[in-house]
């Protein structure tokens, strides 16, 4: 019986002798593994980003609005648009009635243009915030300050800006104290917020935050606000129930009737995203699996060609005492060696692609150790599975017939 070390040495020698054939074998698997690794890193990175950044919600915050936060049915949106709008009186009622609520704030949003001197940015998101949002919103004020309750009450023309606005208007300069034209009003910059980056190609820093009453004056008070409630962990469910009952009472929702508003938490956003990403992942996994299977078929065909070309070599080995098991193990070792090489190159290529995507497009990627292990395990499995038939065929060659091969 040939020892394991001899099998490995002979496999390495065979690969070196037939470089072109080995390269084709490795290439077939590299493409499949690289595709799978790239998809996994992109999906994992997007999941991690969403868990920490989506909706700027903490684990102790929930939101209430008259329309659904996650759209799955156009009919439900049309129905929800008939519901009564939320206004600041509703926010005040919740703040007064909710004993377990730590902070109650409100937000509203729209889009428009922002101008500074001769420069202008289109499609900027305008946010209206009440003062308590300073403690509810998880974004951090990087420079300057948040506006006060007094400034909100008197509709002060002040604002905070995102990093995109800051970089385009005030590159290398202090933005505080400068006056921007936000829609139809002018406001003084009193703060900037930390950079969030992009999510799935969507710029998260292209916004201006205004005091709510200033925003409502800008939007002619037609906006329905979104109520934001922050409650400490142990009292989170009690606060949610108190808010629910308060809103049903002030909106005169009959007992047994469905709510005419919607509640969302961070978990609901993450759950939606995970269901979406799982669907994308399943599709890409199928595509990657097909690529890997095609690579495996290439390996099998190349190995069969190798068996045909090495009939005399196999005959000589059998003549000097090699058993069928020795021949089988040798060809399996060659297949496994080439698949591991292809898998390693595929893993590197997949990570390189994901890194390039992150650097060039700001799309989030996340490299996990288990992805590397999975890639190598898949390469090994493909090498063994698709190498079995060529190895069996080689081991069953008649030594006499094999020695007569040209």
Protein backbone atom coordinates (compact mmCIF):
# COMPACT_ATOMS: atom_id res chain seq x y z
CA UNK A 1 0.00 0.00 0.00
CA UNK A 2 1.25 3.45 -0.87
CA UNK A 3 1.50 5.75 2.17
CA UNK A 4 -0.33 9.10 2.32
CA UNK A 5 2.84 11.14 1.89
CA UNK A 6 3.70 9.32 -1.33
CA UNK A 7 0.17 9.89 -2.65
CA UNK A 8 0.42 13.63 -1.95
CA UNK A 9 3.90 13.89 -3.49
CA UNK A 10 2.77 12.04 -6.60
CA UNK A 11 -0.34 14.23 -6.88
CA UNK A 12 1.74 17.42 -6.68
CA UNK A 13 4.12 16.04 -9.31
CA UNK A 14 1.26 15.15 -11.64
CA UNK A 15 -0.24 18.65 -11.30
CA UNK A 16 3.12 20.26 -12.05
CA UNK A 17 3.67 18.10 -15.12
CA UNK A 18 0.24 18.89 -16.57
CA UNK A 19 0.04 22.62 -15.82
CA UNK A 20 -2.44 23.55 -18.55
CA UNK A 21 -4.83 20.77 -17.62
CA UNK A 22 -4.55 21.65 -13.92
CA UNK A 23 -5.15 25.33 -14.70
CA UNK A 24 -8.38 24.54 -16.53
CA UNK A 25 -9.51 22.37 -13.64
CA UNK A 26 -8.73 25.07 -11.09
CA UNK A 27 -10.39 27.80 -13.19
CA UNK A 28 -13.69 25.96 -13.36
CA UNK A 29 -14.02 25.81 -9.58
CA UNK A 30 -12.52 29.24 -8.93
CA UNK A 31 -15.38 30.96 -10.74
CA UNK A 32 -18.05 29.18 -8.72
CA UNK A 33 -16.37 29.72 -5.34
CA UNK A 34 -15.52 33.37 -6.11
CA UNK A 35 -19.15 34.11 -6.98
CA UNK A 36 -20.40 32.47 -3.81
CA UNK A 37 -17.86 34.22 -1.57
CA UNK A 38 -18.58 37.62 -3.12
CA UNK A 39 -22.32 37.20 -2.60
CA UNK A 40 -21.88 36.05 0.99
CA UNK A 41 -19.65 38.98 1.93
CA UNK A 42 -22.03 41.49 0.35
CA UNK A 43 -25.11 40.03 2.05
CA UNK A 44 -23.38 39.73 5.44
CA UNK A 45 -22.11 43.31 5.19
CA UNK A 46 -25.55 44.64 4.28
CA UNK A 47 -27.12 42.72 7.19
CA UNK A 48 -24.60 44.14 9.65
CA UNK A 49 -25.08 47.67 8.33
CA UNK A 50 -28.86 47.48 8.50
CA UNK A 51 -28.79 46.11 12.04
CA UNK A 52 -26.83 49.13 13.26
CA UNK A 53 -28.05 51.96 11.04
CA UNK A 54 -31.47 51.37 9.49
CA UNK A 55 -34.13 53.88 10.51
CA UNK A 56 -31.77 55.36 13.13
CA UNK A 57 -33.71 53.45 15.77
CA UNK A 58 -32.37 52.08 19.02
CA UNK A 59 -33.60 48.88 20.59
CA UNK A 60 -35.72 50.97 23.01
CA UNK A 61 -37.51 53.09 20.37
CA UNK A 62 -40.73 52.53 18.44
CA UNK A 63 -42.51 54.67 15.84
CA UNK A 64 -46.17 55.31 15.02
CA UNK A 65 -47.52 56.65 11.72
CA UNK A 66 -50.78 56.62 9.78
CA UNK A 67 -49.25 54.65 6.88
CA UNK A 68 -47.24 51.39 6.95
CA UNK A 69 -43.49 51.67 7.46
CA UNK A 70 -42.81 48.66 5.25
CA UNK A 71 -44.77 48.49 2.00
CA UNK A 72 -45.84 45.02 0.85
CA UNK A 73 -49.27 45.79 -0.60
CA UNK A 74 -50.23 48.84 -2.66
CA UNK A 75 -53.87 48.46 -1.62
CA UNK A 76 -52.97 48.82 2.06
CA UNK A 77 -51.15 52.07 1.29
CA UNK A 78 -54.16 53.52 -0.50
CA UNK A 79 -56.39 52.53 2.40
CA UNK A 80 -53.99 54.01 4.96
CA UNK A 81 -53.86 57.35 3.14
CA UNK A 82 -57.53 57.82 4.11
CA UNK A 83 -56.66 57.70 7.81
CA UNK A 84 -56.54 60.89 9.84
CA UNK A 85 -53.16 62.57 9.95
CA UNK A 86 -51.07 62.72 13.10
CA UNK A 87 -50.37 66.21 14.38
CA UNK A 88 -48.44 67.73 17.28
CA UNK A 89 -51.54 67.56 19.51
CA UNK A 90 -51.42 63.76 19.18
CA UNK A 91 -47.76 63.83 20.19
CA UNK A 92 -48.55 65.96 23.25
CA UNK A 93 -51.40 63.59 24.21
CA UNK A 94 -49.10 60.56 24.09
CA UNK A 95 -46.42 62.37 26.12
CA UNK A 96 -48.98 63.28 28.78
CA UNK A 97 -50.66 59.87 29.02
CA UNK A 98 -47.70 57.49 28.71
CA UNK A 99 -46.19 56.93 32.16
CA UNK A 100 -43.53 54.50 30.94
CA UNK A 101 -42.34 56.65 28.03
CA UNK A 102 -38.95 58.23 28.62
CA UNK A 103 -39.09 60.57 25.60
CA UNK A 104 -41.81 61.31 23.04
CA UNK A 105 -40.89 63.15 19.87
CA UNK A 106 -42.10 63.62 16.32
CA UNK A 107 -40.57 63.63 12.85
CA UNK A 108 -41.74 64.49 9.33
CA UNK A 109 -39.93 64.52 6.02
CA UNK A 110 -40.05 65.75 2.44
CA UNK A 111 -37.55 66.59 -0.31
CA UNK A 112 -36.41 69.79 -1.91
CA UNK A 113 -33.46 71.96 -2.89
CA UNK A 114 -30.80 73.53 -0.69
CA UNK A 115 -28.76 76.51 -1.86
CA UNK A 116 -25.63 78.14 -0.47
CA UNK A 117 -24.52 81.20 -2.38
CA UNK A 118 -24.19 80.05 -6.02
CA UNK A 119 -24.11 76.32 -5.25
CA UNK A 120 -27.26 74.16 -5.09
CA UNK A 121 -28.07 70.55 -4.20
CA UNK A 122 -31.29 68.93 -5.42
CA UNK A 123 -33.29 66.06 -3.92
CA UNK A 124 -32.22 66.81 -0.36
CA UNK A 125 -34.31 65.21 2.40
CA UNK A 126 -35.85 67.79 4.75
CA UNK A 127 -36.55 66.46 8.24
CA UNK A 128 -38.73 68.18 10.80
CA UNK A 129 -37.85 67.18 14.37
CA UNK A 130 -39.24 68.14 17.75
CA UNK A 131 -36.65 68.91 20.44
CA UNK A 132 -36.91 65.49 22.23
CA UNK A 133 -35.59 63.84 19.05
CA UNK A 134 -32.13 64.91 20.23
CA UNK A 135 -32.37 62.11 22.83
CA UNK A 136 -34.27 59.65 20.59
CA UNK A 137 -32.37 59.82 17.30
CA UNK A 138 -29.26 57.62 17.45
CA UNK A 139 -27.28 59.87 15.12
CA UNK A 140 -24.57 61.89 16.86
CA UNK A 141 -24.09 65.64 16.56
CA UNK A 142 -20.48 65.87 15.40
CA UNK A 143 -20.09 69.63 15.39
CA UNK A 144 -22.19 72.35 17.06
CA UNK A 145 -25.45 71.58 18.87
CA UNK A 146 -29.06 70.50 18.53
CA UNK A 147 -31.85 73.08 18.62
CA UNK A 148 -33.76 73.70 21.86
CA UNK A 149 -37.47 73.34 22.69
CA UNK A 150 -37.72 77.13 22.80
CA UNK A 151 -36.30 77.44 19.29
CA UNK A 152 -38.79 74.84 18.07
CA UNK A 153 -41.76 76.62 19.70
CA UNK A 154 -40.93 79.95 18.11
CA UNK A 155 -40.12 78.43 14.70
CA UNK A 156 -36.49 79.52 14.80
CA UNK A 157 -34.80 79.43 11.41
CA UNK A 158 -31.94 77.13 12.39
CA UNK A 159 -30.88 73.74 11.03
CA UNK A 160 -28.50 70.80 11.28
CA UNK A 161 -26.96 69.30 8.16
CA UNK A 162 -25.68 65.89 7.03
CA UNK A 163 -22.14 65.14 5.92
CA UNK A 164 -22.96 65.33 2.18
CA UNK A 165 -24.27 68.89 2.54
CA UNK A 166 -21.27 69.84 4.64
CA UNK A 167 -18.73 68.42 2.19
CA UNK A 168 -20.27 70.07 -0.88
CA UNK A 169 -20.88 73.50 0.61
CA UNK A 170 -18.17 73.83 3.27
CA UNK A 171 -15.19 71.66 2.29
CA UNK A 172 -12.34 72.54 4.64
CA UNK A 173 -14.37 75.32 6.29
CA UNK A 174 -16.50 75.69 9.42
CA UNK A 175 -20.19 75.46 8.44
CA UNK A 176 -21.53 76.80 11.75
CA UNK A 177 -23.17 80.21 11.48
CA UNK A 178 -23.56 80.10 7.71
CA UNK A 179 -27.00 80.67 6.19
CA UNK A 180 -28.56 78.13 3.81
CA UNK A 181 -31.67 78.55 1.72
CA UNK A 182 -33.75 75.47 2.48
CA UNK A 183 -36.71 75.40 0.15
CA UNK A 184 -38.42 78.75 0.57
CA UNK A 185 -36.81 79.77 3.88
CA UNK A 186 -33.36 80.70 5.08
CA UNK A 187 -31.82 79.01 8.12
CA UNK A 188 -28.60 79.25 10.08
CA UNK A 189 -26.47 76.12 10.44
CA UNK A 190 -26.04 75.32 14.14
CA UNK A 191 -24.77 71.72 13.88
CA UNK A 192 -23.60 68.84 11.70
CA UNK A 193 -24.24 65.13 12.18
CA UNK A 194 -21.84 62.22 11.90
CA UNK A 195 -21.37 60.54 8.54
CA UNK A 196 -23.53 57.47 7.93
CA UNK A 197 -22.39 56.53 4.43
CA UNK A 198 -24.53 54.85 1.79
CA UNK A 199 -27.04 52.03 2.12
CA UNK A 200 -27.60 50.01 -1.07
CA UNK A 201 -26.43 52.99 -3.11
CA UNK A 202 -28.68 55.46 -1.25
CA UNK A 203 -26.86 58.45 0.28
CA UNK A 204 -27.79 58.60 3.98
CA UNK A 205 -26.11 61.97 4.61
CA UNK A 206 -27.98 64.17 2.14
CA UNK A 207 -30.37 65.82 4.59
CA UNK A 208 -31.23 68.92 6.58
CA UNK A 209 -32.93 68.79 10.00
CA UNK A 210 -35.22 71.68 10.96
CA UNK A 211 -37.22 72.40 14.13
CA UNK A 212 -40.67 70.85 13.62
CA UNK A 213 -42.62 74.12 13.65
CA UNK A 214 -40.16 75.61 11.19
CA UNK A 215 -40.57 72.56 8.97
CA UNK A 216 -44.38 72.71 9.16
CA UNK A 217 -44.28 76.35 8.13
CA UNK A 218 -42.09 75.33 5.19
CA UNK A 219 -44.48 72.54 4.19
CA UNK A 220 -47.63 74.64 4.79
CA UNK A 221 -48.59 72.35 7.73
CA UNK A 222 -49.90 69.63 5.44
CA UNK A 223 -47.58 66.94 6.74
CA UNK A 224 -48.62 64.03 8.92
CA UNK A 225 -45.97 63.55 11.59
CA UNK A 226 -44.46 60.28 12.78
CA UNK A 227 -44.47 59.78 16.54
CA UNK A 228 -41.25 58.45 18.05
CA UNK A 229 -41.26 56.98 21.56
CA UNK A 230 -38.24 55.99 23.62
CA UNK A 231 -38.79 53.71 26.61
CA UNK A 232 -36.28 51.87 28.83
CA UNK A 233 -35.93 48.15 28.14
CA UNK A 234 -38.07 46.66 30.97
CA UNK A 235 -40.88 49.16 30.34
CA UNK A 236 -40.79 48.99 26.55
CA UNK A 237 -43.88 46.80 26.15
CA UNK A 238 -45.86 48.77 28.77
CA UNK A 239 -45.02 52.02 26.96
CA UNK A 240 -46.09 50.53 23.65
CA UNK A 241 -49.44 49.39 25.08
CA UNK A 242 -50.07 52.75 26.76
CA UNK A 243 -49.32 54.57 23.50
CA UNK A 244 -51.58 52.20 21.59
CA UNK A 245 -54.53 52.72 23.94
CA UNK A 246 -54.03 56.50 24.03
CA UNK A 247 -54.03 56.83 20.25
CA UNK A 248 -57.06 54.55 19.84
CA UNK A 249 -58.92 56.73 22.36
CA UNK A 250 -58.07 60.12 20.85
CA UNK A 251 -58.70 58.84 17.30
CA UNK A 252 -62.03 57.28 18.38
CA UNK A 253 -61.23 53.77 17.11
CA UNK A 254 -64.16 51.49 18.14
CA UNK A 255 -63.51 48.47 20.34
CA UNK A 256 -62.67 45.45 18.21
CA UNK A 257 -61.85 47.55 15.13
CA UNK A 258 -58.41 47.58 13.52
CA UNK A 259 -56.00 50.38 14.37
CA UNK A 260 -55.97 53.24 11.89
CA UNK A 261 -52.22 53.64 12.40
CA UNK A 262 -49.10 51.47 12.32
CA UNK A 263 -46.36 50.77 14.87
CA UNK A 264 -42.79 49.79 13.96
CA UNK A 265 -39.73 48.86 15.99
CA UNK A 266 -36.12 48.30 15.04
CA UNK A 267 -36.79 44.55 15.02
CA UNK A 268 -39.56 44.95 12.45
CA UNK A 269 -37.22 46.81 10.09
CA UNK A 270 -34.49 44.23 10.54
CA UNK A 271 -36.98 41.38 10.07
CA UNK A 272 -38.14 42.87 6.77
CA UNK A 273 -34.60 43.37 5.57
CA UNK A 274 -33.59 39.84 6.53
CA UNK A 275 -36.53 38.39 4.60
CA UNK A 276 -35.54 40.45 1.55
CA UNK A 277 -31.84 39.62 1.83
CA UNK A 278 -32.65 35.93 2.39
CA UNK A 279 -34.57 35.86 -0.90
CA UNK A 280 -31.68 37.54 -2.75
CA UNK A 281 -29.19 35.24 -1.04
CA UNK A 282 -31.16 32.14 -2.06
CA UNK A 283 -31.21 33.26 -5.70
CA UNK A 284 -27.50 34.09 -5.76
CA UNK A 285 -26.72 30.86 -3.91
CA UNK A 286 -28.49 28.90 -6.64
CA UNK A 287 -26.53 30.75 -9.32
CA UNK A 288 -23.29 30.14 -7.43
CA UNK A 289 -24.18 26.48 -6.92
CA UNK A 290 -24.75 26.09 -10.65
CA UNK A 291 -21.35 27.67 -11.31
CA UNK A 292 -19.75 25.32 -8.79
CA UNK A 293 -21.46 22.28 -10.33
CA UNK A 294 -20.31 23.34 -13.79
CA UNK A 295 -16.82 23.66 -12.35
CA UNK A 296 -17.17 20.16 -10.90
CA UNK A 297 -18.22 18.77 -14.27
CA UNK A 298 -15.19 20.43 -15.84
CA UNK A 299 -13.03 18.78 -13.21
CA UNK A 300 -14.55 15.38 -13.92
CA UNK A 301 -14.10 15.69 -17.67
CA UNK A 302 -10.51 16.89 -17.36
CA UNK A 303 -9.75 14.05 -14.96
CA UNK A 304 -11.26 11.54 -17.40
CA UNK A 305 -9.01 12.92 -20.14
CA UNK A 306 -6.12 12.58 -17.72
CA UNK A 307 -6.99 8.92 -17.11
CA UNK A 308 -7.03 8.25 -20.87
CA UNK A 309 -3.68 9.96 -21.41
CA UNK A 310 -2.02 8.23 -18.45
CA UNK A 311 -3.13 4.65 -19.17
CA UNK A 312 0.45 3.45 -19.60
CA UNK A 313 1.51 5.12 -16.33
CA UNK A 314 -1.38 3.43 -14.55
CA UNK A 315 -0.43 0.06 -16.10
CA UNK A 316 3.16 0.39 -14.92
CA UNK A 317 2.06 1.24 -11.39
CA UNK A 318 -0.25 -1.74 -11.31
CA UNK A 319 2.53 -3.98 -12.67
CA UNK A 320 4.94 -2.99 -9.89
CA UNK A 321 2.40 -3.73 -7.15
CA UNK A 322 0.00 -0.77 -6.83
CA UNK A 323 -3.51 -1.89 -5.91
CA UNK A 324 -6.79 -0.55 -7.22
CA UNK A 325 -7.20 1.36 -3.93
CA UNK A 326 -3.78 2.99 -4.42
CA UNK A 327 -4.72 4.19 -7.92
CA UNK A 328 -8.11 5.39 -6.71
CA UNK A 329 -6.61 7.33 -3.82
CA UNK A 330 -4.00 8.90 -6.08
CA UNK A 331 -6.55 10.29 -8.55
CA UNK A 332 -8.84 11.41 -5.72
CA UNK A 333 -5.89 13.20 -4.12
CA UNK A 334 -5.12 14.96 -7.41
CA UNK A 335 -8.74 16.06 -7.76
CA UNK A 336 -8.89 17.24 -4.15
CA UNK A 337 -5.59 19.11 -4.45
CA UNK A 338 -6.72 21.00 -7.54
CA UNK A 339 -10.11 21.78 -5.99
CA UNK A 340 -8.53 23.15 -2.82
CA UNK A 341 -6.26 25.33 -4.95
CA UNK A 342 -9.25 26.52 -6.98
CA UNK A 343 -11.24 27.13 -3.80
CA UNK A 344 -8.44 29.15 -2.20
CA UNK A 345 -8.04 31.28 -5.32
CA UNK A 346 -11.84 31.67 -5.53
CA UNK A 347 -12.04 32.80 -1.90
CA UNK A 348 -9.30 35.36 -2.49
CA UNK A 349 -10.94 36.58 -5.70
CA UNK A 350 -14.35 36.82 -3.99
CA UNK A 351 -12.96 38.85 -1.10
CA UNK A 352 -11.01 41.04 -3.52
CA UNK A 353 -14.18 41.73 -5.51
CA UNK A 354 -16.15 42.55 -2.34
CA UNK A 355 -13.36 44.85 -1.14
CA UNK A 356 -13.30 46.63 -4.50
CA UNK A 357 -17.08 47.10 -4.38
CA UNK A 358 -16.84 48.59 -0.89
CA UNK A 359 -14.05 50.98 -1.88
CA UNK A 360 -15.55 52.09 -5.19
CA UNK A 361 -19.28 52.20 -4.38
CA UNK A 362 -19.53 52.46 -0.55
CA UNK A 363 -21.63 49.29 -0.61
CA UNK A 364 -21.19 47.55 2.76
CA UNK A 365 -19.29 44.26 2.89
CA UNK A 366 -18.43 42.03 5.82
CA UNK A 367 -15.77 39.30 5.83
CA UNK A 368 -16.64 36.39 8.12
CA UNK A 369 -14.34 33.50 9.10
CA UNK A 370 -17.08 30.94 8.51
CA UNK A 371 -17.33 32.05 4.87
CA UNK A 372 -13.69 31.03 4.32
CA UNK A 373 -14.28 27.68 6.02
CA UNK A 374 -17.44 27.12 3.97
CA UNK A 375 -15.62 27.91 0.73
CA UNK A 376 -12.85 25.41 1.47
CA UNK A 377 -15.33 22.76 2.61
CA UNK A 378 -17.37 23.20 -0.58
CA UNK A 379 -14.22 22.94 -2.70
CA UNK A 380 -13.24 19.72 -0.93
CA UNK A 381 -16.71 18.25 -1.35
CA UNK A 382 -16.77 19.06 -5.07
CA UNK A 383 -13.29 17.61 -5.53
CA UNK A 384 -14.23 14.35 -3.85
CA UNK A 385 -17.65 14.01 -5.49
CA UNK A 386 -16.61 14.76 -9.05
CA UNK A 387 -13.29 12.97 -8.69
CA UNK A 388 -14.82 9.63 -7.66
CA UNK A 389 -15.86 8.49 -11.16
CA UNK A 390 -12.49 9.25 -12.86
CA UNK A 391 -10.67 7.63 -9.93
CA UNK A 392 -12.86 4.52 -10.11
CA UNK A 393 -12.34 4.30 -13.87
CA UNK A 394 -8.58 4.60 -13.47
CA UNK A 395 -8.47 1.94 -10.76
CA UNK A 396 -10.45 -0.55 -12.87
CA UNK A 397 -8.16 -0.41 -15.90
CA UNK A 398 -6.76 -3.80 -16.84
CA UNK A 399 -2.97 -3.60 -16.27
CA UNK A 400 -2.20 -5.62 -19.43
CA UNK A 401 -4.42 -3.44 -21.61
CA UNK A 402 -3.05 -0.29 -19.97
CA UNK A 403 0.57 -1.31 -20.66
CA UNK A 404 -0.24 -1.75 -24.35
CA UNK A 405 -1.42 1.93 -24.58
CA UNK A 406 0.64 4.23 -26.77
